[in-house]
Amino acid sequence: MQELLLTFPAWAYALTIFVLRVIDMALGTLRFLVGMRGSKGASWLLGFFQAVIFVVAITSVLSNLDNPLNIISYAAGYATGGVLGVWIEGKMAIGYVRVEVISSLRGAELAESLRDAGFAVTEVSARGKDGMVSVLNVAVLRKQVNLAAKIIREVDEDAFVTTEEMRAVNRGFWRA
């Protein structure tokens, strides 16, 4: 058994299983996240390749169960691939986010600064715990959330800011 674990082909085989499983899980995670945002075609394509890679990886493990490295590599690839898929999707930043800003003193100035940067802003007056506040709703491409957050911090570092993902967008103004 020890000889099996130390031979180059056993390590290479296990490494191949690990890489296949990382790719499989990364594609699966991307497929799920892209599908949740409404991209059915991309989700289908990712699912197709994920299934092919999964069949190759699981067949490789099941055909050689006497090598524990294969099982460990399969499990490690599963865990690593899920994390990698989330990281890749975060870098792709597909979709829209609604940024809500609550400012007690600088709402109008914040709205102007965001509009000057090309963002569409809806202002609403509201009553907070300590009096009147401005509530700003800003629909932002996920790729531009950091820019919007930077502008908000520069104008009103005390503003309360939340974000939530948006699904369908119909009409309105969007930053190009």
C-alpha atoms as a PDB file:
ATOM      1  CA  MET A   1       0.000   0.000   0.000  1.00  0.00           C
ATOM      2  CA  GLN A   2       2.772   2.444   0.928  1.00  0.00           C
ATOM      3  CA  GLU A   3       4.498   1.770  -2.408  1.00  0.00           C
ATOM      4  CA  LEU A   4       1.266   2.612  -4.216  1.00  0.00           C
ATOM      5  CA  LEU A   5       1.043   5.978  -2.481  1.00  0.00           C
ATOM      6  CA  LEU A   6       4.625   6.911  -3.282  1.00  0.00           C
ATOM      7  CA  THR A   7       4.635   6.005  -6.974  1.00  0.00           C
ATOM      8  CA  PHE A   8       4.488   8.839  -9.470  1.00  0.00           C
ATOM      9  CA  PRO A   9       1.464   7.528 -11.389  1.00  0.00           C
ATOM     10  CA  ALA A  10      -0.586   7.294  -8.165  1.00  0.00           C
ATOM     11  CA  TRP A  11       0.206  10.916  -7.286  1.00  0.00           C
ATOM     12  CA  ALA A  12      -0.367  12.053 -10.869  1.00  0.00           C
ATOM     13  CA  TYR A  13      -3.682  10.208 -10.986  1.00  0.00           C
ATOM     14  CA  ALA A  14      -4.769  11.777  -7.687  1.00  0.00           C
ATOM     15  CA  LEU A  15      -3.676  15.229  -8.863  1.00  0.00           C
ATOM     16  CA  THR A  16      -5.676  14.790 -12.069  1.00  0.00           C
ATOM     17  CA  ILE A  17      -8.755  13.871 -10.027  1.00  0.00           C
ATOM     18  CA  PHE A  18      -8.208  16.934  -7.821  1.00  0.00           C
ATOM     19  CA  VAL A  19      -7.917  19.281 -10.820  1.00  0.00           C
ATOM     20  CA  LEU A  20     -10.959  17.767 -12.530  1.00  0.00           C
ATOM     21  CA  ARG A  21     -13.016  18.139  -9.369  1.00  0.00           C
ATOM     22  CA  VAL A  22     -11.880  21.742  -8.834  1.00  0.00           C
ATOM     23  CA  ILE A  23     -12.957  22.592 -12.381  1.00  0.00           C
ATOM     24  CA  ASP A  24     -16.212  20.640 -11.976  1.00  0.00           C
ATOM     25  CA  MET A  25     -17.179  22.412  -8.754  1.00  0.00           C
ATOM     26  CA  ALA A  26     -16.088  25.847  -9.963  1.00  0.00           C
ATOM     27  CA  LEU A  27     -18.280  25.385 -13.041  1.00  0.00           C
ATOM     28  CA  GLY A  28     -21.142  24.137 -10.861  1.00  0.00           C
ATOM     29  CA  THR A  29     -20.928  27.111  -8.542  1.00  0.00           C
ATOM     30  CA  LEU A  30     -20.761  29.526 -11.471  1.00  0.00           C
ATOM     31  CA  ARG A  31     -23.667  27.718 -13.149  1.00  0.00           C
ATOM     32  CA  PHE A  32     -25.817  28.127 -10.057  1.00  0.00           C
ATOM     33  CA  LEU A  33     -24.936  31.783  -9.465  1.00  0.00           C
ATOM     34  CA  VAL A  34     -25.299  32.748 -13.143  1.00  0.00           C
ATOM     35  CA  GLY A  35     -28.595  30.862 -13.337  1.00  0.00           C
ATOM     36  CA  MET A  36     -29.908  32.714 -10.285  1.00  0.00           C
ATOM     37  CA  ARG A  37     -29.276  35.954 -12.150  1.00  0.00           C
ATOM     38  CA  GLY A  38     -31.319  34.792 -15.129  1.00  0.00           C
ATOM     39  CA  SER A  39     -28.646  33.697 -17.631  1.00  0.00           C
ATOM     40  CA  LYS A  40     -30.263  30.433 -18.735  1.00  0.00           C
ATOM     41  CA  GLY A  41     -28.055  29.828 -21.777  1.00  0.00           C
ATOM     42  CA  ALA A  42     -24.808  30.316 -19.886  1.00  0.00           C
ATOM     43  CA  SER A  43     -26.143  28.155 -17.059  1.00  0.00           C
ATOM     44  CA  TRP A  44     -26.981  25.355 -19.502  1.00  0.00           C
ATOM     45  CA  LEU A  45     -23.552  25.493 -21.146  1.00  0.00           C
ATOM     46  CA  LEU A  46     -21.718  25.471 -17.813  1.00  0.00           C
ATOM     47  CA  GLY A  47     -23.899  22.579 -16.638  1.00  0.00           C
ATOM     48  CA  PHE A  48     -23.086  20.542 -19.740  1.00  0.00           C
ATOM     49  CA  PHE A  49     -19.331  20.840 -19.250  1.00  0.00           C
ATOM     50  CA  GLN A  50     -19.684  20.316 -15.513  1.00  0.00           C
ATOM     51  CA  ALA A  51     -21.500  17.013 -16.105  1.00  0.00           C
ATOM     52  CA  VAL A  52     -18.851  15.752 -18.536  1.00  0.00           C
ATOM     53  CA  ILE A  53     -16.032  16.586 -16.132  1.00  0.00           C
ATOM     54  CA  PHE A  54     -17.940  15.070 -13.194  1.00  0.00           C
ATOM     55  CA  VAL A  55     -18.390  11.751 -15.021  1.00  0.00           C
ATOM     56  CA  VAL A  56     -14.667  11.582 -15.821  1.00  0.00           C
ATOM     57  CA  ALA A  57     -13.673  12.482 -12.238  1.00  0.00           C
ATOM     58  CA  ILE A  58     -16.053  10.087 -10.469  1.00  0.00           C
ATOM     59  CA  THR A  59     -15.181   7.263 -12.867  1.00  0.00           C
ATOM     60  CA  SER A  60     -11.509   7.809 -12.077  1.00  0.00           C
ATOM     61  CA  VAL A  61     -12.177   7.525  -8.345  1.00  0.00           C
ATOM     62  CA  LEU A  62     -14.502   4.525  -8.543  1.00  0.00           C
ATOM     63  CA  SER A  63     -12.191   2.579 -10.848  1.00  0.00           C
ATOM     64  CA  ASN A  64      -9.385   2.709  -8.282  1.00  0.00           C
ATOM     65  CA  LEU A  65     -10.868   2.741  -4.772  1.00  0.00           C
ATOM     66  CA  ASP A  66      -7.816   1.018  -3.279  1.00  0.00           C
ATOM     67  CA  ASN A  67      -5.868   4.284  -3.536  1.00  0.00           C
ATOM     68  CA  PRO A  68      -7.016   6.588  -0.704  1.00  0.00           C
ATOM     69  CA  LEU A  69      -5.281   9.520  -2.414  1.00  0.00           C
ATOM     70  CA  ASN A  70      -7.976   9.438  -5.086  1.00  0.00           C
ATOM     71  CA  ILE A  71     -10.739   9.799  -2.503  1.00  0.00           C
ATOM     72  CA  ILE A  72      -8.880  12.548  -0.635  1.00  0.00           C
ATOM     73  CA  SER A  73      -8.157  14.368  -3.913  1.00  0.00           C
ATOM     74  CA  TYR A  74     -11.806  14.118  -4.923  1.00  0.00           C
ATOM     75  CA  ALA A  75     -12.966  15.611  -1.613  1.00  0.00           C
ATOM     76  CA  ALA A  76     -10.282  18.331  -1.628  1.00  0.00           C
ATOM     77  CA  GLY A  77     -11.168  19.241  -5.209  1.00  0.00           C
ATOM     78  CA  TYR A  78     -14.834  19.504  -4.238  1.00  0.00           C
ATOM     79  CA  ALA A  79     -14.084  21.934  -1.399  1.00  0.00           C
ATOM     80  CA  THR A  80     -11.553  23.972  -3.372  1.00  0.00           C
ATOM     81  CA  GLY A  81     -13.737  24.193  -6.477  1.00  0.00           C
ATOM     82  CA  GLY A  82     -16.692  25.634  -4.583  1.00  0.00           C
ATOM     83  CA  VAL A  83     -14.551  28.400  -3.127  1.00  0.00           C
ATOM     84  CA  LEU A  84     -12.901  29.052  -6.502  1.00  0.00           C
ATOM     85  CA  GLY A  85     -16.294  29.321  -8.216  1.00  0.00           C
ATOM     86  CA  VAL A  86     -17.512  31.924  -5.724  1.00  0.00           C
ATOM     87  CA  TRP A  87     -14.257  33.877  -6.133  1.00  0.00           C
ATOM     88  CA  ILE A  88     -14.510  33.834  -9.962  1.00  0.00           C
ATOM     89  CA  GLU A  89     -18.147  34.939  -9.860  1.00  0.00           C
ATOM     90  CA  GLY A  90     -17.204  37.768  -7.511  1.00  0.00           C
ATOM     91  CA  LYS A  91     -14.577  38.944  -9.994  1.00  0.00           C
ATOM     92  CA  MET A  92     -17.065  38.709 -12.877  1.00  0.00           C
ATOM     93  CA  ALA A  93     -19.580  40.738 -10.807  1.00  0.00           C
ATOM     94  CA  ILE A  94     -22.580  39.968 -12.990  1.00  0.00           C
ATOM     95  CA  GLY A  95     -25.851  41.696 -12.224  1.00  0.00           C
ATOM     96  CA  TYR A  96     -27.199  44.662 -10.324  1.00  0.00           C
ATOM     97  CA  VAL A  97     -27.242  45.781  -6.715  1.00  0.00           C
ATOM     98  CA  ARG A  98     -29.558  48.213  -4.995  1.00  0.00           C
ATOM     99  CA  VAL A  99     -27.560  50.492  -2.734  1.00  0.00           C
ATOM    100  CA  GLU A 100     -29.621  52.177  -0.042  1.00  0.00           C
ATOM    101  CA  VAL A 101     -28.067  55.136   1.724  1.00  0.00           C
ATOM    102  CA  ILE A 102     -29.524  56.810   4.804  1.00  0.00           C
ATOM    103  CA  SER A 103     -27.988  60.191   5.562  1.00  0.00           C
ATOM    104  CA  SER A 104     -29.086  62.503   8.326  1.00  0.00           C
ATOM    105  CA  LEU A 105     -27.191  65.597   7.127  1.00  0.00           C
ATOM    106  CA  ARG A 106     -25.835  65.265   3.590  1.00  0.00           C
ATOM    107  CA  GLY A 107     -28.517  63.462   1.580  1.00  0.00           C
ATOM    108  CA  ALA A 108     -28.908  66.108  -1.133  1.00  0.00           C
ATOM    109  CA  GLU A 109     -25.138  66.509  -1.494  1.00  0.00           C
ATOM    110  CA  LEU A 110     -24.724  62.724  -1.700  1.00  0.00           C
ATOM    111  CA  ALA A 111     -27.430  62.444  -4.349  1.00  0.00           C
ATOM    112  CA  GLU A 112     -25.775  65.176  -6.441  1.00  0.00           C
ATOM    113  CA  SER A 113     -22.330  63.582  -6.175  1.00  0.00           C
ATOM    114  CA  LEU A 114     -23.688  60.190  -7.194  1.00  0.00           C
ATOM    115  CA  ARG A 115     -25.616  61.735 -10.093  1.00  0.00           C
ATOM    116  CA  ASP A 116     -22.505  63.647 -11.203  1.00  0.00           C
ATOM    117  CA  ALA A 117     -20.731  60.270 -11.376  1.00  0.00           C
ATOM    118  CA  GLY A 118     -23.499  58.976 -13.643  1.00  0.00           C
ATOM    119  CA  PHE A 119     -25.578  56.998 -11.155  1.00  0.00           C
ATOM    120  CA  ALA A 120     -29.373  57.181 -11.084  1.00  0.00           C
ATOM    121  CA  VAL A 121     -30.514  58.205  -7.614  1.00  0.00           C
ATOM    122  CA  THR A 122     -33.995  58.323  -6.118  1.00  0.00           C
ATOM    123  CA  GLU A 123     -34.311  60.505  -3.011  1.00  0.00           C
ATOM    124  CA  VAL A 124     -36.960  60.031  -0.350  1.00  0.00           C
ATOM    125  CA  SER A 125     -37.435  62.003   2.856  1.00  0.00           C
ATOM    126  CA  ALA A 126     -38.031  59.829   5.891  1.00  0.00           C
ATOM    127  CA  ARG A 127     -38.231  60.102   9.641  1.00  0.00           C
ATOM    128  CA  GLY A 128     -35.468  58.374  11.582  1.00  0.00           C
ATOM    129  CA  LYS A 129     -34.930  57.890  15.307  1.00  0.00           C
ATOM    130  CA  ASP A 130     -33.419  61.363  15.686  1.00  0.00           C
ATOM    131  CA  GLY A 131     -35.443  63.259  13.096  1.00  0.00           C
ATOM    132  CA  MET A 132     -35.639  63.670   9.339  1.00  0.00           C
ATOM    133  CA  VAL A 133     -33.213  61.767   7.091  1.00  0.00           C
ATOM    134  CA  SER A 134     -32.676  61.322   3.371  1.00  0.00           C
ATOM    135  CA  VAL A 135     -33.021  57.823   1.967  1.00  0.00           C
ATOM    136  CA  LEU A 136     -31.253  57.355  -1.355  1.00  0.00           C
ATOM    137  CA  ASN A 137     -31.897  54.369  -3.595  1.00  0.00           C
ATOM    138  CA  VAL A 138     -29.220  53.760  -6.188  1.00  0.00           C
ATOM    139  CA  ALA A 139     -29.346  50.913  -8.731  1.00  0.00           C
ATOM    140  CA  VAL A 140     -25.751  49.970  -9.477  1.00  0.00           C
ATOM    141  CA  LEU A 141     -24.005  47.399 -11.629  1.00  0.00           C
ATOM    142  CA  ARG A 142     -22.152  45.043  -9.269  1.00  0.00           C
ATOM    143  CA  LYS A 143     -18.905  46.005 -11.008  1.00  0.00           C
ATOM    144  CA  GLN A 144     -19.464  49.607  -9.901  1.00  0.00           C
ATOM    145  CA  VAL A 145     -20.425  49.086  -6.255  1.00  0.00           C
ATOM    146  CA  ASN A 146     -16.945  50.032  -5.043  1.00  0.00           C
ATOM    147  CA  LEU A 147     -17.073  53.311  -6.975  1.00  0.00           C
ATOM    148  CA  ALA A 148     -20.473  54.195  -5.498  1.00  0.00           C
ATOM    149  CA  ALA A 149     -19.262  53.269  -1.998  1.00  0.00           C
ATOM    150  CA  LYS A 150     -16.156  55.440  -2.421  1.00  0.00           C
ATOM    151  CA  ILE A 151     -18.274  58.456  -3.398  1.00  0.00           C
ATOM    152  CA  ILE A 152     -20.610  57.868  -0.454  1.00  0.00           C
ATOM    153  CA  ARG A 153     -17.698  57.660   2.020  1.00  0.00           C
ATOM    154  CA  GLU A 154     -16.090  60.824   0.614  1.00  0.00           C
ATOM    155  CA  VAL A 155     -19.283  62.867   0.987  1.00  0.00           C
ATOM    156  CA  ASP A 156     -20.758  61.413   4.188  1.00  0.00           C
ATOM    157  CA  GLU A 157     -18.652  58.963   6.134  1.00  0.00           C
ATOM    158  CA  ASP A 158     -21.467  58.636   8.699  1.00  0.00           C
ATOM    159  CA  ALA A 159     -24.076  57.510   6.158  1.00  0.00           C
ATOM    160  CA  PHE A 160     -25.731  54.144   6.770  1.00  0.00           C
ATOM    161  CA  VAL A 161     -25.314  52.021   3.637  1.00  0.00           C
ATOM    162  CA  THR A 162     -26.834  48.654   2.740  1.00  0.00           C
ATOM    163  CA  THR A 163     -26.887  46.661  -0.470  1.00  0.00           C
ATOM    164  CA  GLU A 164     -29.080  43.924  -1.821  1.00  0.00           C
ATOM    165  CA  GLU A 165     -29.013  42.054  -5.081  1.00  0.00           C
ATOM    166  CA  MET A 166     -31.596  42.910  -7.709  1.00  0.00           C
ATOM    167  CA  ARG A 167     -33.030  40.504 -10.246  1.00  0.00           C
ATOM    168  CA  ALA A 168     -35.175  41.866 -13.039  1.00  0.00           C
ATOM    169  CA  VAL A 169     -34.688  45.441 -14.141  1.00  0.00           C
ATOM    170  CA  ASN A 170     -37.290  47.088 -16.299  1.00  0.00           C
ATOM    171  CA  ARG A 171     -36.882  50.580 -17.673  1.00  0.00           C
ATOM    172  CA  GLY A 172     -35.227  53.476 -15.933  1.00  0.00           C
ATOM    173  CA  PHE A 173     -31.789  55.035 -16.218  1.00  0.00           C
ATOM    174  CA  TRP A 174     -28.573  52.997 -15.988  1.00  0.00           C
ATOM    175  CA  ARG A 175     -25.014  54.186 -15.730  1.00  0.00           C
ATOM    176  CA  ALA A 176     -23.266  53.252 -18.981  1.00  0.00           C
END
